[in-house]
Amino acid sequence: MPGREHRAPPGEPVCPAEGCARPAGFATDHVGEGLCRRHASHRVAPSPTPTPSPESREAESDPLTRRLTGSPASPSADPLAVLRSVLASARQAGYPFGEAWALGAEAALSYMTTTKAREWWDALTATEHERAAAYAREGSRLAEFT
């Protein structure tokens, strides 16, 4: 509507585009962070870059913080299919589960919004023990899928 203006309330995150007062992520799938819809649609998609890691060494080894990010217009394929493919390839190559899991989770979470990646990370870590058993071809039912 003409004359209607969307402004971020005081203390709330604002769109980082120069001169924009809209709420961060306004009218996007990443509300509360990043560019608003107007500026996100005019932005050239960045090349993939690692997400800056937090200060601690422990966090640097976390696949969630190392995942690649890029344009939300190019989401990754099915995260479970990506994870299964990486785990199967890593097992064939002789990688230990810990390394394979880190690579697979990092690849599966790539190119998602931060919110979506956190939700998937929670789901993946909830099944990590079962996937480790499947990777070792122990009595896990997940062995049928990897």
C-alpha atoms as a PDB file:
ATOM      1  CA  MET A   1       0.000   0.000   0.000  1.00  0.00           C
ATOM      2  CA  PRO A   2       1.331   3.459  -0.795  1.00  0.00           C
ATOM      3  CA  GLY A   3       2.497   5.340   2.261  1.00  0.00           C
ATOM      4  CA  ARG A   4       2.793   2.239   4.407  1.00  0.00           C
ATOM      5  CA  GLU A   5       6.186   1.920   6.025  1.00  0.00           C
ATOM      6  CA  HIS A   6       7.771  -0.978   7.869  1.00  0.00           C
ATOM      7  CA  ARG A   7      10.284   0.059  10.506  1.00  0.00           C
ATOM      8  CA  ALA A   8      12.081  -2.067  13.070  1.00  0.00           C
ATOM      9  CA  PRO A   9      10.940  -1.366  16.639  1.00  0.00           C
ATOM     10  CA  PRO A  10      13.556   0.206  18.921  1.00  0.00           C
ATOM     11  CA  GLY A  11      16.105  -2.357  20.076  1.00  0.00           C
ATOM     12  CA  GLU A  12      15.236  -4.882  17.347  1.00  0.00           C
ATOM     13  CA  PRO A  13      17.725  -5.899  14.594  1.00  0.00           C
ATOM     14  CA  VAL A  14      17.553  -3.745  11.462  1.00  0.00           C
ATOM     15  CA  CYS A  15      18.225  -4.705   7.832  1.00  0.00           C
ATOM     16  CA  PRO A  16      21.979  -4.191   7.309  1.00  0.00           C
ATOM     17  CA  ALA A  17      21.475  -2.452   3.921  1.00  0.00           C
ATOM     18  CA  GLU A  18      22.611   1.164   4.051  1.00  0.00           C
ATOM     19  CA  GLY A  19      19.757   3.509   4.974  1.00  0.00           C
ATOM     20  CA  CYS A  20      17.139   0.772   5.461  1.00  0.00           C
ATOM     21  CA  ALA A  21      15.058   0.896   8.636  1.00  0.00           C
ATOM     22  CA  ARG A  22      13.059  -2.297   8.022  1.00  0.00           C
ATOM     23  CA  PRO A  23      13.316  -5.182  10.484  1.00  0.00           C
ATOM     24  CA  ALA A  24      16.162  -7.620   9.761  1.00  0.00           C
ATOM     25  CA  GLY A  25      14.959 -10.401   7.465  1.00  0.00           C
ATOM     26  CA  PHE A  26      11.563  -8.710   6.971  1.00  0.00           C
ATOM     27  CA  ALA A  27       9.295 -10.804   4.668  1.00  0.00           C
ATOM     28  CA  THR A  28      11.921 -13.545   4.184  1.00  0.00           C
ATOM     29  CA  ASP A  29      12.438 -17.049   5.531  1.00  0.00           C
ATOM     30  CA  HIS A  30      15.167 -15.726   7.843  1.00  0.00           C
ATOM     31  CA  VAL A  31      13.178 -13.236   9.931  1.00  0.00           C
ATOM     32  CA  GLY A  32      15.282 -11.479  12.529  1.00  0.00           C
ATOM     33  CA  GLU A  33      18.596 -11.804  10.693  1.00  0.00           C
ATOM     34  CA  GLY A  34      20.106 -10.505   7.473  1.00  0.00           C
ATOM     35  CA  LEU A  35      18.670  -8.418   4.669  1.00  0.00           C
ATOM     36  CA  CYS A  36      14.973  -7.621   4.238  1.00  0.00           C
ATOM     37  CA  ARG A  37      13.122  -8.945   1.193  1.00  0.00           C
ATOM     38  CA  ARG A  38      13.690  -5.769  -0.827  1.00  0.00           C
ATOM     39  CA  HIS A  39      17.446  -5.821  -0.398  1.00  0.00           C
ATOM     40  CA  ALA A  40      17.903  -9.598  -0.473  1.00  0.00           C
ATOM     41  CA  SER A  41      16.229  -9.776  -3.902  1.00  0.00           C
ATOM     42  CA  HIS A  42      18.548  -7.095  -5.353  1.00  0.00           C
ATOM     43  CA  ARG A  43      21.701  -8.557  -3.891  1.00  0.00           C
ATOM     44  CA  VAL A  44      24.081 -10.599  -5.987  1.00  0.00           C
ATOM     45  CA  ALA A  45      24.498 -14.023  -4.441  1.00  0.00           C
ATOM     46  CA  PRO A  46      27.841 -14.289  -2.661  1.00  0.00           C
ATOM     47  CA  SER A  47      30.304 -17.000  -3.454  1.00  0.00           C
ATOM     48  CA  PRO A  48      30.347 -19.800  -0.873  1.00  0.00           C
ATOM     49  CA  THR A  49      32.416 -18.907   2.155  1.00  0.00           C
ATOM     50  CA  PRO A  50      32.830 -20.588   5.499  1.00  0.00           C
ATOM     51  CA  THR A  51      30.742 -19.094   8.271  1.00  0.00           C
ATOM     52  CA  PRO A  52      32.968 -17.231  10.727  1.00  0.00           C
ATOM     53  CA  SER A  53      33.664 -19.531  13.624  1.00  0.00           C
ATOM     54  CA  PRO A  54      33.169 -18.545  17.273  1.00  0.00           C
ATOM     55  CA  GLU A  55      36.141 -17.908  19.510  1.00  0.00           C
ATOM     56  CA  SER A  56      36.494 -21.331  21.096  1.00  0.00           C
ATOM     57  CA  ARG A  57      38.379 -24.256  19.546  1.00  0.00           C
ATOM     58  CA  GLU A  58      35.518 -26.603  20.408  1.00  0.00           C
ATOM     59  CA  ALA A  59      33.092 -24.526  18.355  1.00  0.00           C
ATOM     60  CA  GLU A  60      35.524 -24.533  15.405  1.00  0.00           C
ATOM     61  CA  SER A  61      35.134 -28.299  15.152  1.00  0.00           C
ATOM     62  CA  ASP A  62      31.338 -28.048  15.084  1.00  0.00           C
ATOM     63  CA  PRO A  63      29.942 -28.809  11.580  1.00  0.00           C
ATOM     64  CA  LEU A  64      27.126 -26.332  12.190  1.00  0.00           C
ATOM     65  CA  THR A  65      29.565 -23.433  12.439  1.00  0.00           C
ATOM     66  CA  ARG A  66      31.755 -24.656   9.555  1.00  0.00           C
ATOM     67  CA  ARG A  67      28.931 -25.183   7.065  1.00  0.00           C
ATOM     68  CA  LEU A  68      29.100 -23.276   3.809  1.00  0.00           C
ATOM     69  CA  THR A  69      26.634 -20.471   3.329  1.00  0.00           C
ATOM     70  CA  GLY A  70      25.502 -18.707   0.232  1.00  0.00           C
ATOM     71  CA  SER A  71      22.403 -17.502  -1.490  1.00  0.00           C
ATOM     72  CA  PRO A  72      19.178 -18.749   0.111  1.00  0.00           C
ATOM     73  CA  ALA A  73      17.860 -18.849  -3.460  1.00  0.00           C
ATOM     74  CA  SER A  74      20.020 -21.953  -4.028  1.00  0.00           C
ATOM     75  CA  PRO A  75      19.175 -24.281  -1.131  1.00  0.00           C
ATOM     76  CA  SER A  76      20.977 -27.584  -0.807  1.00  0.00           C
ATOM     77  CA  ALA A  77      19.428 -30.856  -1.834  1.00  0.00           C
ATOM     78  CA  ASP A  78      17.779 -33.196   0.646  1.00  0.00           C
ATOM     79  CA  PRO A  79      20.076 -32.994   3.714  1.00  0.00           C
ATOM     80  CA  LEU A  80      19.601 -36.661   4.598  1.00  0.00           C
ATOM     81  CA  ALA A  81      20.519 -37.769   1.073  1.00  0.00           C
ATOM     82  CA  VAL A  82      23.655 -35.599   1.202  1.00  0.00           C
ATOM     83  CA  LEU A  83      24.610 -37.018   4.618  1.00  0.00           C
ATOM     84  CA  ARG A  84      24.030 -40.629   3.500  1.00  0.00           C
ATOM     85  CA  SER A  85      26.114 -40.117   0.364  1.00  0.00           C
ATOM     86  CA  VAL A  86      29.039 -38.584   2.242  1.00  0.00           C
ATOM     87  CA  LEU A  87      28.942 -41.264   4.961  1.00  0.00           C
ATOM     88  CA  ALA A  88      28.853 -44.081   2.397  1.00  0.00           C
ATOM     89  CA  SER A  89      31.769 -42.590   0.441  1.00  0.00           C
ATOM     90  CA  ALA A  90      33.776 -41.967   3.605  1.00  0.00           C
ATOM     91  CA  ARG A  91      33.204 -45.515   4.838  1.00  0.00           C
ATOM     92  CA  GLN A  92      34.449 -46.871   1.496  1.00  0.00           C
ATOM     93  CA  ALA A  93      37.509 -44.621   1.743  1.00  0.00           C
ATOM     94  CA  GLY A  94      38.256 -45.876   5.260  1.00  0.00           C
ATOM     95  CA  TYR A  95      37.533 -42.689   7.238  1.00  0.00           C
ATOM     96  CA  PRO A  96      36.745 -43.121  10.929  1.00  0.00           C
ATOM     97  CA  PHE A  97      33.146 -42.248  11.808  1.00  0.00           C
ATOM     98  CA  GLY A  98      34.008 -39.017  13.648  1.00  0.00           C
ATOM     99  CA  GLU A  99      35.672 -37.486  10.590  1.00  0.00           C
ATOM    100  CA  ALA A 100      33.017 -38.809   8.219  1.00  0.00           C
ATOM    101  CA  TRP A 101      30.240 -37.467  10.444  1.00  0.00           C
ATOM    102  CA  ALA A 102      31.800 -33.994  10.576  1.00  0.00           C
ATOM    103  CA  LEU A 103      32.180 -33.882   6.781  1.00  0.00           C
ATOM    104  CA  GLY A 104      28.703 -35.254   6.138  1.00  0.00           C
ATOM    105  CA  ALA A 105      26.941 -32.960   8.584  1.00  0.00           C
ATOM    106  CA  GLU A 106      28.828 -29.936   7.268  1.00  0.00           C
ATOM    107  CA  ALA A 107      27.821 -30.782   3.689  1.00  0.00           C
ATOM    108  CA  ALA A 108      24.207 -31.541   4.637  1.00  0.00           C
ATOM    109  CA  LEU A 109      23.800 -28.198   6.440  1.00  0.00           C
ATOM    110  CA  SER A 110      25.400 -26.110   3.698  1.00  0.00           C
ATOM    111  CA  TYR A 111      23.478 -23.324   2.019  1.00  0.00           C
ATOM    112  CA  MET A 112      20.628 -23.347   4.561  1.00  0.00           C
ATOM    113  CA  THR A 113      19.493 -20.346   6.517  1.00  0.00           C
ATOM    114  CA  THR A 114      20.931 -20.253  10.017  1.00  0.00           C
ATOM    115  CA  THR A 115      17.568 -21.072  11.587  1.00  0.00           C
ATOM    116  CA  LYS A 116      16.929 -24.042   9.316  1.00  0.00           C
ATOM    117  CA  ALA A 117      20.505 -25.315   9.767  1.00  0.00           C
ATOM    118  CA  ARG A 118      20.124 -25.227  13.565  1.00  0.00           C
ATOM    119  CA  GLU A 119      16.871 -27.208  13.344  1.00  0.00           C
ATOM    120  CA  TRP A 120      18.512 -29.811  11.082  1.00  0.00           C
ATOM    121  CA  TRP A 121      21.602 -29.926  13.329  1.00  0.00           C
ATOM    122  CA  ASP A 122      19.380 -30.792  16.295  1.00  0.00           C
ATOM    123  CA  ALA A 123      17.709 -33.552  14.278  1.00  0.00           C
ATOM    124  CA  LEU A 124      21.022 -34.940  13.006  1.00  0.00           C
ATOM    125  CA  THR A 125      22.724 -34.969  16.397  1.00  0.00           C
ATOM    126  CA  ALA A 126      19.732 -36.788  17.869  1.00  0.00           C
ATOM    127  CA  THR A 127      20.502 -39.708  15.525  1.00  0.00           C
ATOM    128  CA  GLU A 128      24.309 -39.529  15.618  1.00  0.00           C
ATOM    129  CA  HIS A 129      24.679 -42.574  17.901  1.00  0.00           C
ATOM    130  CA  GLU A 130      22.477 -44.708  15.647  1.00  0.00           C
ATOM    131  CA  ARG A 131      24.324 -43.523  12.557  1.00  0.00           C
ATOM    132  CA  ALA A 132      27.649 -44.414  14.196  1.00  0.00           C
ATOM    133  CA  ALA A 133      26.351 -47.944  14.762  1.00  0.00           C
ATOM    134  CA  ALA A 134      25.150 -48.133  11.169  1.00  0.00           C
ATOM    135  CA  TYR A 135      28.519 -46.839   9.939  1.00  0.00           C
ATOM    136  CA  ALA A 136      30.246 -49.623  11.865  1.00  0.00           C
ATOM    137  CA  ARG A 137      27.619 -52.028  10.496  1.00  0.00           C
ATOM    138  CA  GLU A 138      26.517 -52.910  13.999  1.00  0.00           C
ATOM    139  CA  GLY A 139      22.934 -53.937  14.790  1.00  0.00           C
ATOM    140  CA  SER A 140      21.384 -50.597  13.845  1.00  0.00           C
ATOM    141  CA  ARG A 141      18.297 -50.378  11.686  1.00  0.00           C
ATOM    142  CA  LEU A 142      19.836 -47.309  10.041  1.00  0.00           C
ATOM    143  CA  ALA A 143      22.362 -49.646   8.367  1.00  0.00           C
ATOM    144  CA  GLU A 144      19.626 -50.300   5.832  1.00  0.00           C
ATOM    145  CA  PHE A 145      19.697 -46.655   4.765  1.00  0.00           C
ATOM    146  CA  THR A 146      23.427 -45.797   4.688  1.00  0.00           C
END
